[in-house]
């Protein structure tokens, strides 16, 4: 089994949401889940991190100060190079 932590990039501008996700990850598997969480509050910062560092998964909010909705996903997907992206959004548009 690989002993490396799961590298997660969270691109989210809401401090409440960031703290909520941090708490959920801390509680996962009784606190035994080895996770390295990096946070970016803007898409541009997240894209820089993707370009410079390897990650295992991206958690992506679609509404950020510098990008909105589908455009946010399109830009992240182009930079992610096969990394799974989990979209987190309150947008009700299923597209």
PDB file of N, CA and C in Angstrom:
ATOM      1  N   UNK A   1       0.836  -1.191   0.000  1.00  0.00           N
ATOM      2  CA  UNK A   1       0.000   0.000   0.000  1.00  0.00           C
ATOM      3  C   UNK A   1       0.872   1.243   0.000  1.00  0.00           C
ATOM      4  N   UNK A   2       0.440   2.272  -0.718  1.00  0.00           N
ATOM      5  CA  UNK A   2       1.182   3.514  -0.825  1.00  0.00           C
ATOM      6  C   UNK A   2       0.965   4.357   0.430  1.00  0.00           C
ATOM      7  N   UNK A   3       2.054   4.805   1.053  1.00  0.00           N
ATOM      8  CA  UNK A   3       1.949   5.593   2.277  1.00  0.00           C
ATOM      9  C   UNK A   3       1.928   7.090   2.015  1.00  0.00           C
ATOM     10  N   UNK A   4       1.852   7.508   0.765  1.00  0.00           N
ATOM     11  CA  UNK A   4       1.821   8.925   0.442  1.00  0.00           C
ATOM     12  C   UNK A   4       0.439   9.499   0.735  1.00  0.00           C
ATOM     13  N   UNK A   5       0.405  10.755   1.193  1.00  0.00           N
ATOM     14  CA  UNK A   5      -0.909  11.368   1.427  1.00  0.00           C
ATOM     15  C   UNK A   5      -1.631  11.631   0.111  1.00  0.00           C
ATOM     16  N   UNK A   6      -2.952  11.689   0.184  1.00  0.00           N
ATOM     17  CA  UNK A   6      -3.758  12.077  -0.967  1.00  0.00           C
ATOM     18  C   UNK A   6      -3.637  13.589  -1.091  1.00  0.00           C
ATOM     19  N   UNK A   7      -3.149  14.055  -2.233  1.00  0.00           N
ATOM     20  CA  UNK A   7      -2.961  15.496  -2.444  1.00  0.00           C
ATOM     21  C   UNK A   7      -4.221  16.083  -3.073  1.00  0.00           C
ATOM     22  N   UNK A   8      -4.873  16.948  -2.304  1.00  0.00           N
ATOM     23  CA  UNK A   8      -6.116  17.567  -2.742  1.00  0.00           C
ATOM     24  C   UNK A   8      -5.897  19.062  -2.910  1.00  0.00           C
ATOM     25  N   UNK A   9      -6.333  19.572  -4.055  1.00  0.00           N
ATOM     26  CA  UNK A   9      -6.339  21.011  -4.280  1.00  0.00           C
ATOM     27  C   UNK A   9      -7.781  21.485  -4.203  1.00  0.00           C
ATOM     28  N   UNK A  10      -8.072  22.344  -3.243  1.00  0.00           N
ATOM     29  CA  UNK A  10      -9.401  22.913  -3.067  1.00  0.00           C
ATOM     30  C   UNK A  10      -9.381  24.335  -3.614  1.00  0.00           C
ATOM     31  N   UNK A  11     -10.149  24.562  -4.680  1.00  0.00           N
ATOM     32  CA  UNK A  11     -10.266  25.904  -5.249  1.00  0.00           C
ATOM     33  C   UNK A  11     -11.627  26.431  -4.831  1.00  0.00           C
ATOM     34  N   UNK A  12     -11.623  27.279  -3.819  1.00  0.00           N
ATOM     35  CA  UNK A  12     -12.850  27.728  -3.150  1.00  0.00           C
ATOM     36  C   UNK A  12     -12.577  29.072  -2.475  1.00  0.00           C
ATOM     37  N   UNK A  13     -13.498  30.018  -2.586  1.00  0.00           N
ATOM     38  CA  UNK A  13     -13.285  31.329  -1.978  1.00  0.00           C
ATOM     39  C   UNK A  13     -14.080  31.548  -0.691  1.00  0.00           C
ATOM     40  N   UNK A  14     -14.917  30.609  -0.321  1.00  0.00           N
ATOM     41  CA  UNK A  14     -15.715  30.742   0.899  1.00  0.00           C
ATOM     42  C   UNK A  14     -14.976  30.118   2.079  1.00  0.00           C
ATOM     43  N   UNK A  15     -14.640  30.949   3.058  1.00  0.00           N
ATOM     44  CA  UNK A  15     -13.950  30.448   4.239  1.00  0.00           C
ATOM     45  C   UNK A  15     -14.796  29.412   4.975  1.00  0.00           C
ATOM     46  N   UNK A  16     -16.108  29.611   5.018  1.00  0.00           N
ATOM     47  CA  UNK A  16     -17.010  28.645   5.643  1.00  0.00           C
ATOM     48  C   UNK A  16     -16.901  27.284   4.957  1.00  0.00           C
ATOM     49  N   UNK A  17     -16.937  27.277   3.624  1.00  0.00           N
ATOM     50  CA  UNK A  17     -16.847  26.015   2.876  1.00  0.00           C
ATOM     51  C   UNK A  17     -15.489  25.354   3.062  1.00  0.00           C
ATOM     52  N   UNK A  18     -14.439  26.144   3.082  1.00  0.00           N
ATOM     53  CA  UNK A  18     -13.082  25.605   3.287  1.00  0.00           C
ATOM     54  C   UNK A  18     -13.005  24.908   4.639  1.00  0.00           C
ATOM     55  N   UNK A  19     -13.488  25.574   5.662  1.00  0.00           N
ATOM     56  CA  UNK A  19     -13.439  24.983   7.012  1.00  0.00           C
ATOM     57  C   UNK A  19     -14.310  23.726   7.099  1.00  0.00           C
ATOM     58  N   UNK A  20     -15.458  23.763   6.432  1.00  0.00           N
ATOM     59  CA  UNK A  20     -16.345  22.596   6.432  1.00  0.00           C
ATOM     60  C   UNK A  20     -15.647  21.394   5.774  1.00  0.00           C
ATOM     61  N   UNK A  21     -15.009  21.608   4.671  1.00  0.00           N
ATOM     62  CA  UNK A  21     -14.304  20.521   3.969  1.00  0.00           C
ATOM     63  C   UNK A  21     -13.118  20.041   4.794  1.00  0.00           C
ATOM     64  N   UNK A  22     -12.391  20.955   5.406  1.00  0.00           N
ATOM     65  CA  UNK A  22     -11.283  20.560   6.276  1.00  0.00           C
ATOM     66  C   UNK A  22     -11.785  19.664   7.412  1.00  0.00           C
ATOM     67  N   UNK A  23     -12.913  20.036   8.015  1.00  0.00           N
ATOM     68  CA  UNK A  23     -13.488  19.221   9.096  1.00  0.00           C
ATOM     69  C   UNK A  23     -13.925  17.850   8.604  1.00  0.00           C
ATOM     70  N   UNK A  24     -14.561  17.800   7.445  1.00  0.00           N
ATOM     71  CA  UNK A  24     -14.997  16.510   6.901  1.00  0.00           C
ATOM     72  C   UNK A  24     -13.797  15.610   6.618  1.00  0.00           C
ATOM     73  N   UNK A  25     -12.734  16.168   6.064  1.00  0.00           N
ATOM     74  CA  UNK A  25     -11.546  15.362   5.779  1.00  0.00           C
ATOM     75  C   UNK A  25     -10.876  14.898   7.062  1.00  0.00           C
ATOM     76  N   UNK A  26     -10.874  15.747   8.081  1.00  0.00           N
ATOM     77  CA  UNK A  26     -10.271  15.371   9.367  1.00  0.00           C
ATOM     78  C   UNK A  26     -11.049  14.232  10.021  1.00  0.00           C
ATOM     79  N   UNK A  27     -12.351  14.208   9.816  1.00  0.00           N
ATOM     80  CA  UNK A  27     -13.189  13.169  10.411  1.00  0.00           C
ATOM     81  C   UNK A  27     -13.237  11.886   9.581  1.00  0.00           C
ATOM     82  N   UNK A  28     -12.820  11.952   8.328  1.00  0.00           N
ATOM     83  CA  UNK A  28     -12.892  10.790   7.444  1.00  0.00           C
ATOM     84  C   UNK A  28     -12.056   9.642   7.996  1.00  0.00           C
ATOM     85  N   UNK A  29     -12.644   8.494   7.966  1.00  0.00           N
ATOM     86  CA  UNK A  29     -11.996   7.273   8.477  1.00  0.00           C
ATOM     87  C   UNK A  29     -11.464   7.479   9.888  1.00  0.00           C
ATOM     88  N   UNK A  30     -12.227   8.150  10.705  1.00  0.00           N
ATOM     89  CA  UNK A  30     -11.833   8.339  12.106  1.00  0.00           C
ATOM     90  C   UNK A  30     -10.551   9.123  12.271  1.00  0.00           C
ATOM     91  N   UNK A  31     -10.281  10.014  11.349  1.00  0.00           N
ATOM     92  CA  UNK A  31      -9.065  10.821  11.424  1.00  0.00           C
ATOM     93  C   UNK A  31      -7.838  10.113  10.891  1.00  0.00           C
ATOM     94  N   UNK A  32      -8.018   8.943  10.295  1.00  0.00           N
ATOM     95  CA  UNK A  32      -6.893   8.155   9.811  1.00  0.00           C
ATOM     96  C   UNK A  32      -6.596   8.362   8.330  1.00  0.00           C
ATOM     97  N   UNK A  33      -7.360   9.200   7.657  1.00  0.00           N
ATOM     98  CA  UNK A  33      -7.138   9.460   6.242  1.00  0.00           C
ATOM     99  C   UNK A  33      -5.980  10.441   6.098  1.00  0.00           C
ATOM    100  N   UNK A  34      -4.940  10.044   5.368  1.00  0.00           N
ATOM    101  CA  UNK A  34      -3.759  10.874   5.194  1.00  0.00           C
ATOM    102  C   UNK A  34      -3.965  11.786   3.988  1.00  0.00           C
ATOM    103  N   UNK A  35      -4.229  13.064   4.268  1.00  0.00           N
ATOM    104  CA  UNK A  35      -4.567  14.021   3.222  1.00  0.00           C
ATOM    105  C   UNK A  35      -3.672  15.243   3.335  1.00  0.00           C
ATOM    106  N   UNK A  36      -3.230  15.719   2.188  1.00  0.00           N
ATOM    107  CA  UNK A  36      -2.514  16.993   2.103  1.00  0.00           C
ATOM    108  C   UNK A  36      -3.420  17.946   1.328  1.00  0.00           C
ATOM    109  N   UNK A  37      -3.998  18.914   2.032  1.00  0.00           N
ATOM    110  CA  UNK A  37      -4.965  19.830   1.428  1.00  0.00           C
ATOM    111  C   UNK A  37      -4.320  21.182   1.177  1.00  0.00           C
ATOM    112  N   UNK A  38      -4.365  21.626  -0.065  1.00  0.00           N
ATOM    113  CA  UNK A  38      -3.915  22.960  -0.444  1.00  0.00           C
ATOM    114  C   UNK A  38      -5.138  23.734  -0.893  1.00  0.00           C
ATOM    115  N   UNK A  39      -5.220  24.996  -0.515  1.00  0.00           N
ATOM    116  CA  UNK A  39      -6.380  25.818  -0.850  1.00  0.00           C
ATOM    117  C   UNK A  39      -5.975  27.002  -1.713  1.00  0.00           C
ATOM    118  N   UNK A  40      -6.847  27.337  -2.645  1.00  0.00           N
ATOM    119  CA  UNK A  40      -6.675  28.520  -3.482  1.00  0.00           C
ATOM    120  C   UNK A  40      -8.019  29.237  -3.519  1.00  0.00           C
ATOM    121  N   UNK A  41      -8.001  30.549  -3.313  1.00  0.00           N
ATOM    122  CA  UNK A  41      -9.259  31.298  -3.274  1.00  0.00           C
ATOM    123  C   UNK A  41      -9.637  31.921  -4.616  1.00  0.00           C
ATOM    124  N   UNK A  42      -8.797  31.710  -5.615  1.00  0.00           N
ATOM    125  CA  UNK A  42      -9.066  32.206  -6.973  1.00  0.00           C
ATOM    126  C   UNK A  42      -8.660  31.117  -7.962  1.00  0.00           C
ATOM    127  N   UNK A  43      -9.321  31.103  -9.100  1.00  0.00           N
ATOM    128  CA  UNK A  43      -8.976  30.109 -10.110  1.00  0.00           C
ATOM    129  C   UNK A  43      -7.542  30.291 -10.581  1.00  0.00           C
ATOM    130  N   UNK A  44      -7.105  31.530 -10.770  1.00  0.00           N
ATOM    131  CA  UNK A  44      -5.741  31.787 -11.249  1.00  0.00           C
ATOM    132  C   UNK A  44      -4.700  31.184 -10.304  1.00  0.00           C
ATOM    133  N   UNK A  45      -4.925  31.290  -9.010  1.00  0.00           N
ATOM    134  CA  UNK A  45      -4.001  30.717  -8.018  1.00  0.00           C
ATOM    135  C   UNK A  45      -4.042  29.191  -8.095  1.00  0.00           C
ATOM    136  N   UNK A  46      -5.233  28.633  -8.234  1.00  0.00           N
ATOM    137  CA  UNK A  46      -5.376  27.186  -8.362  1.00  0.00           C
ATOM    138  C   UNK A  46      -4.689  26.653  -9.612  1.00  0.00           C
ATOM    139  N   UNK A  47      -4.826  27.368 -10.726  1.00  0.00           N
ATOM    140  CA  UNK A  47      -4.185  26.943 -11.973  1.00  0.00           C
ATOM    141  C   UNK A  47      -2.669  26.998 -11.862  1.00  0.00           C
ATOM    142  N   UNK A  48      -2.152  27.997 -11.172  1.00  0.00           N
ATOM    143  CA  UNK A  48      -0.707  28.063 -10.928  1.00  0.00           C
ATOM    144  C   UNK A  48      -0.250  26.855 -10.130  1.00  0.00           C
ATOM    145  N   UNK A  49      -1.012  26.511  -9.098  1.00  0.00           N
ATOM    146  CA  UNK A  49      -0.665  25.349  -8.272  1.00  0.00           C
ATOM    147  C   UNK A  49      -0.685  24.066  -9.107  1.00  0.00           C
ATOM    148  N   UNK A  50      -1.688  23.918  -9.955  1.00  0.00           N
ATOM    149  CA  UNK A  50      -1.764  22.739 -10.820  1.00  0.00           C
ATOM    150  C   UNK A  50      -0.560  22.652 -11.748  1.00  0.00           C
ATOM    151  N   UNK A  51      -0.122  23.788 -12.264  1.00  0.00           N
ATOM    152  CA  UNK A  51       1.011  23.809 -13.190  1.00  0.00           C
ATOM    153  C   UNK A  51       2.330  23.460 -12.495  1.00  0.00           C
ATOM    154  N   UNK A  52       2.442  23.803 -11.223  1.00  0.00           N
ATOM    155  CA  UNK A  52       3.710  23.650 -10.510  1.00  0.00           C
ATOM    156  C   UNK A  52       3.781  22.416  -9.618  1.00  0.00           C
ATOM    157  N   UNK A  53       2.642  21.855  -9.245  1.00  0.00           N
ATOM    158  CA  UNK A  53       2.615  20.766  -8.261  1.00  0.00           C
ATOM    159  C   UNK A  53       1.681  19.659  -8.717  1.00  0.00           C
ATOM    160  N   UNK A  54       2.026  18.452  -8.377  1.00  0.00           N
ATOM    161  CA  UNK A  54       1.131  17.345  -8.680  1.00  0.00           C
ATOM    162  C   UNK A  54       0.050  17.231  -7.620  1.00  0.00           C
ATOM    163  N   UNK A  55      -1.169  16.965  -8.052  1.00  0.00           N
ATOM    164  CA  UNK A  55      -2.265  16.713  -7.120  1.00  0.00           C
ATOM    165  C   UNK A  55      -3.002  15.464  -7.570  1.00  0.00           C
ATOM    166  N   UNK A  56      -3.714  14.851  -6.635  1.00  0.00           N
ATOM    167  CA  UNK A  56      -4.473  13.644  -6.941  1.00  0.00           C
ATOM    168  C   UNK A  56      -5.921  13.938  -7.313  1.00  0.00           C
ATOM    169  N   UNK A  57      -6.441  15.035  -6.777  1.00  0.00           N
ATOM    170  CA  UNK A  57      -7.833  15.409  -7.060  1.00  0.00           C
ATOM    171  C   UNK A  57      -8.001  16.909  -6.835  1.00  0.00           C
ATOM    172  N   UNK A  58      -8.915  17.497  -7.608  1.00  0.00           N
ATOM    173  CA  UNK A  58      -9.261  18.914  -7.461  1.00  0.00           C
ATOM    174  C   UNK A  58     -10.710  19.001  -7.002  1.00  0.00           C
ATOM    175  N   UNK A  59     -10.951  19.775  -5.946  1.00  0.00           N
ATOM    176  CA  UNK A  59     -12.299  20.120  -5.506  1.00  0.00           C
ATOM    177  C   UNK A  59     -12.525  21.551  -5.971  1.00  0.00           C
ATOM    178  N   UNK A  60     -13.508  21.761  -6.834  1.00  0.00           N
ATOM    179  CA  UNK A  60     -13.646  23.029  -7.537  1.00  0.00           C
ATOM    180  C   UNK A  60     -15.005  23.685  -7.331  1.00  0.00           C
ATOM    181  N   UNK A  61     -14.976  24.899  -6.797  1.00  0.00           N
ATOM    182  CA  UNK A  61     -16.171  25.733  -6.742  1.00  0.00           C
ATOM    183  C   UNK A  61     -16.278  26.429  -8.095  1.00  0.00           C
ATOM    184  N   UNK A  62     -17.480  26.531  -8.637  1.00  0.00           N
ATOM    185  CA  UNK A  62     -17.645  27.137  -9.959  1.00  0.00           C
ATOM    186  C   UNK A  62     -17.786  28.653  -9.935  1.00  0.00           C
ATOM    187  N   UNK A  63     -18.056  29.230  -8.783  1.00  0.00           N
ATOM    188  CA  UNK A  63     -18.219  30.680  -8.699  1.00  0.00           C
ATOM    189  C   UNK A  63     -17.099  31.251  -7.848  1.00  0.00           C
ATOM    190  N   UNK A  64     -16.130  31.852  -8.530  1.00  0.00           N
ATOM    191  CA  UNK A  64     -14.945  32.411  -7.880  1.00  0.00           C
ATOM    192  C   UNK A  64     -14.812  33.878  -8.266  1.00  0.00           C
ATOM    193  N   UNK A  65     -14.019  34.642  -7.527  1.00  0.00           N
ATOM    194  CA  UNK A  65     -13.874  36.061  -7.851  1.00  0.00           C
ATOM    195  C   UNK A  65     -13.350  36.325  -9.268  1.00  0.00           C
ATOM    196  N   UNK A  66     -12.558  35.397  -9.811  1.00  0.00           N
ATOM    197  CA  UNK A  66     -11.953  35.639 -11.128  1.00  0.00           C
ATOM    198  C   UNK A  66     -12.469  34.702 -12.225  1.00  0.00           C
ATOM    199  N   UNK A  67     -13.514  33.932 -11.940  1.00  0.00           N
ATOM    200  CA  UNK A  67     -14.072  33.039 -12.950  1.00  0.00           C
ATOM    201  C   UNK A  67     -15.451  32.573 -12.506  1.00  0.00           C
ATOM    202  N   UNK A  68     -16.326  32.293 -13.496  1.00  0.00           N
ATOM    203  CA  UNK A  68     -17.694  31.926 -13.157  1.00  0.00           C
ATOM    204  C   UNK A  68     -18.181  30.742 -13.983  1.00  0.00           C
ATOM    205  N   UNK A  69     -18.916  29.884 -13.317  1.00  0.00           N
ATOM    206  CA  UNK A  69     -19.691  28.796 -13.885  1.00  0.00           C
ATOM    207  C   UNK A  69     -18.881  27.884 -14.812  1.00  0.00           C
ATOM    208  N   UNK A  70     -19.407  27.576 -15.986  1.00  0.00           N
ATOM    209  CA  UNK A  70     -18.786  26.597 -16.872  1.00  0.00           C
ATOM    210  C   UNK A  70     -17.378  27.006 -17.312  1.00  0.00           C
ATOM    211  N   UNK A  71     -17.146  28.308 -17.425  1.00  0.00           N
ATOM    212  CA  UNK A  71     -15.819  28.794 -17.780  1.00  0.00           C
ATOM    213  C   UNK A  71     -14.777  28.358 -16.746  1.00  0.00           C
ATOM    214  N   UNK A  72     -15.181  28.341 -15.480  1.00  0.00           N
ATOM    215  CA  UNK A  72     -14.285  27.898 -14.401  1.00  0.00           C
ATOM    216  C   UNK A  72     -13.885  26.440 -14.610  1.00  0.00           C
ATOM    217  N   UNK A  73     -14.874  25.592 -14.854  1.00  0.00           N
ATOM    218  CA  UNK A  73     -14.580  24.174 -15.073  1.00  0.00           C
ATOM    219  C   UNK A  73     -13.720  23.975 -16.315  1.00  0.00           C
ATOM    220  N   UNK A  74     -14.044  24.654 -17.401  1.00  0.00           N
ATOM    221  CA  UNK A  74     -13.311  24.492 -18.657  1.00  0.00           C
ATOM    222  C   UNK A  74     -11.836  24.822 -18.476  1.00  0.00           C
ATOM    223  N   UNK A  75     -11.553  25.910 -17.796  1.00  0.00           N
ATOM    224  CA  UNK A  75     -10.151  26.304 -17.565  1.00  0.00           C
ATOM    225  C   UNK A  75      -9.432  25.320 -16.643  1.00  0.00           C
ATOM    226  N   UNK A  76     -10.108  24.878 -15.584  1.00  0.00           N
ATOM    227  CA  UNK A  76      -9.493  23.919 -14.663  1.00  0.00           C
ATOM    228  C   UNK A  76      -9.247  22.586 -15.358  1.00  0.00           C
ATOM    229  N   UNK A  77     -10.207  22.134 -16.134  1.00  0.00           N
ATOM    230  CA  UNK A  77     -10.087  20.865 -16.852  1.00  0.00           C
ATOM    231  C   UNK A  77      -8.914  20.896 -17.832  1.00  0.00           C
ATOM    232  N   UNK A  78      -8.737  22.003 -18.519  1.00  0.00           N
ATOM    233  CA  UNK A  78      -7.633  22.132 -19.473  1.00  0.00           C
ATOM    234  C   UNK A  78      -6.279  22.058 -18.772  1.00  0.00           C
ATOM    235  N   UNK A  79      -6.199  22.541 -17.552  1.00  0.00           N
ATOM    236  CA  UNK A  79      -4.936  22.566 -16.804  1.00  0.00           C
ATOM    237  C   UNK A  79      -4.713  21.272 -16.014  1.00  0.00           C
ATOM    238  N   UNK A  80      -5.775  20.562 -15.683  1.00  0.00           N
ATOM    239  CA  UNK A  80      -5.683  19.435 -14.746  1.00  0.00           C
ATOM    240  C   UNK A  80      -5.000  18.198 -15.322  1.00  0.00           C
ATOM    241  N   UNK A  81      -4.944  18.039 -16.615  1.00  0.00           N
ATOM    242  CA  UNK A  81      -4.211  16.945 -17.263  1.00  0.00           C
ATOM    243  C   UNK A  81      -4.542  15.569 -16.679  1.00  0.00           C
ATOM    244  N   UNK A  82      -5.822  15.226 -16.730  1.00  0.00           N
ATOM    245  CA  UNK A  82      -6.239  13.895 -16.297  1.00  0.00           C
ATOM    246  C   UNK A  82      -6.532  13.752 -14.813  1.00  0.00           C
ATOM    247  N   UNK A  83      -6.351  14.797 -14.041  1.00  0.00           N
ATOM    248  CA  UNK A  83      -6.639  14.756 -12.607  1.00  0.00           C
ATOM    249  C   UNK A  83      -8.160  14.851 -12.420  1.00  0.00           C
ATOM    250  N   UNK A  84      -8.740  13.987 -11.599  1.00  0.00           N
ATOM    251  CA  UNK A  84     -10.187  14.070 -11.364  1.00  0.00           C
ATOM    252  C   UNK A  84     -10.574  15.411 -10.746  1.00  0.00           C
ATOM    253  N   UNK A  85     -11.702  15.956 -11.213  1.00  0.00           N
ATOM    254  CA  UNK A  85     -12.222  17.215 -10.691  1.00  0.00           C
ATOM    255  C   UNK A  85     -13.616  16.954 -10.130  1.00  0.00           C
ATOM    256  N   UNK A  86     -13.807  17.316  -8.864  1.00  0.00           N
ATOM    257  CA  UNK A  86     -15.107  17.222  -8.231  1.00  0.00           C
ATOM    258  C   UNK A  86     -15.660  18.646  -8.168  1.00  0.00           C
ATOM    259  N   UNK A  87     -16.781  18.865  -8.848  1.00  0.00           N
ATOM    260  CA  UNK A  87     -17.383  20.192  -8.892  1.00  0.00           C
ATOM    261  C   UNK A  87     -18.298  20.372  -7.690  1.00  0.00           C
ATOM    262  N   UNK A  88     -18.099  21.489  -6.997  1.00  0.00           N
ATOM    263  CA  UNK A  88     -18.932  21.848  -5.848  1.00  0.00           C
ATOM    264  C   UNK A  88     -19.565  23.188  -6.165  1.00  0.00           C
ATOM    265  N   UNK A  89     -20.867  23.214  -6.232  1.00  0.00           N
ATOM    266  CA  UNK A  89     -21.514  24.464  -6.590  1.00  0.00           C
ATOM    267  C   UNK A  89     -22.955  24.477  -6.147  1.00  0.00           C
ATOM    268  N   UNK A  90     -23.443  25.671  -5.863  1.00  0.00           N
ATOM    269  CA  UNK A  90     -24.841  25.859  -5.553  1.00  0.00           C
ATOM    270  C   UNK A  90     -25.632  26.254  -6.787  1.00  0.00           C
ATOM    271  N   UNK A  91     -24.984  26.282  -7.931  1.00  0.00           N
ATOM    272  CA  UNK A  91     -25.653  26.662  -9.172  1.00  0.00           C
ATOM    273  C   UNK A  91     -26.673  25.579  -9.522  1.00  0.00           C
ATOM    274  N   UNK A  92     -27.866  25.982  -9.874  1.00  0.00           N
ATOM    275  CA  UNK A  92     -28.917  25.023 -10.150  1.00  0.00           C
ATOM    276  C   UNK A  92     -28.993  24.607 -11.620  1.00  0.00           C
ATOM    277  N   UNK A  93     -28.130  25.114 -12.450  1.00  0.00           N
ATOM    278  CA  UNK A  93     -28.102  24.773 -13.880  1.00  0.00           C
ATOM    279  C   UNK A  93     -27.380  23.443 -14.032  1.00  0.00           C
ATOM    280  N   UNK A  94     -28.086  22.389 -14.426  1.00  0.00           N
ATOM    281  CA  UNK A  94     -27.491  21.058 -14.539  1.00  0.00           C
ATOM    282  C   UNK A  94     -26.459  20.952 -15.636  1.00  0.00           C
ATOM    283  N   UNK A  95     -26.462  21.849 -16.605  1.00  0.00           N
ATOM    284  CA  UNK A  95     -25.479  21.813 -17.687  1.00  0.00           C
ATOM    285  C   UNK A  95     -24.108  21.979 -17.098  1.00  0.00           C
TER     286      UNK A  95
END
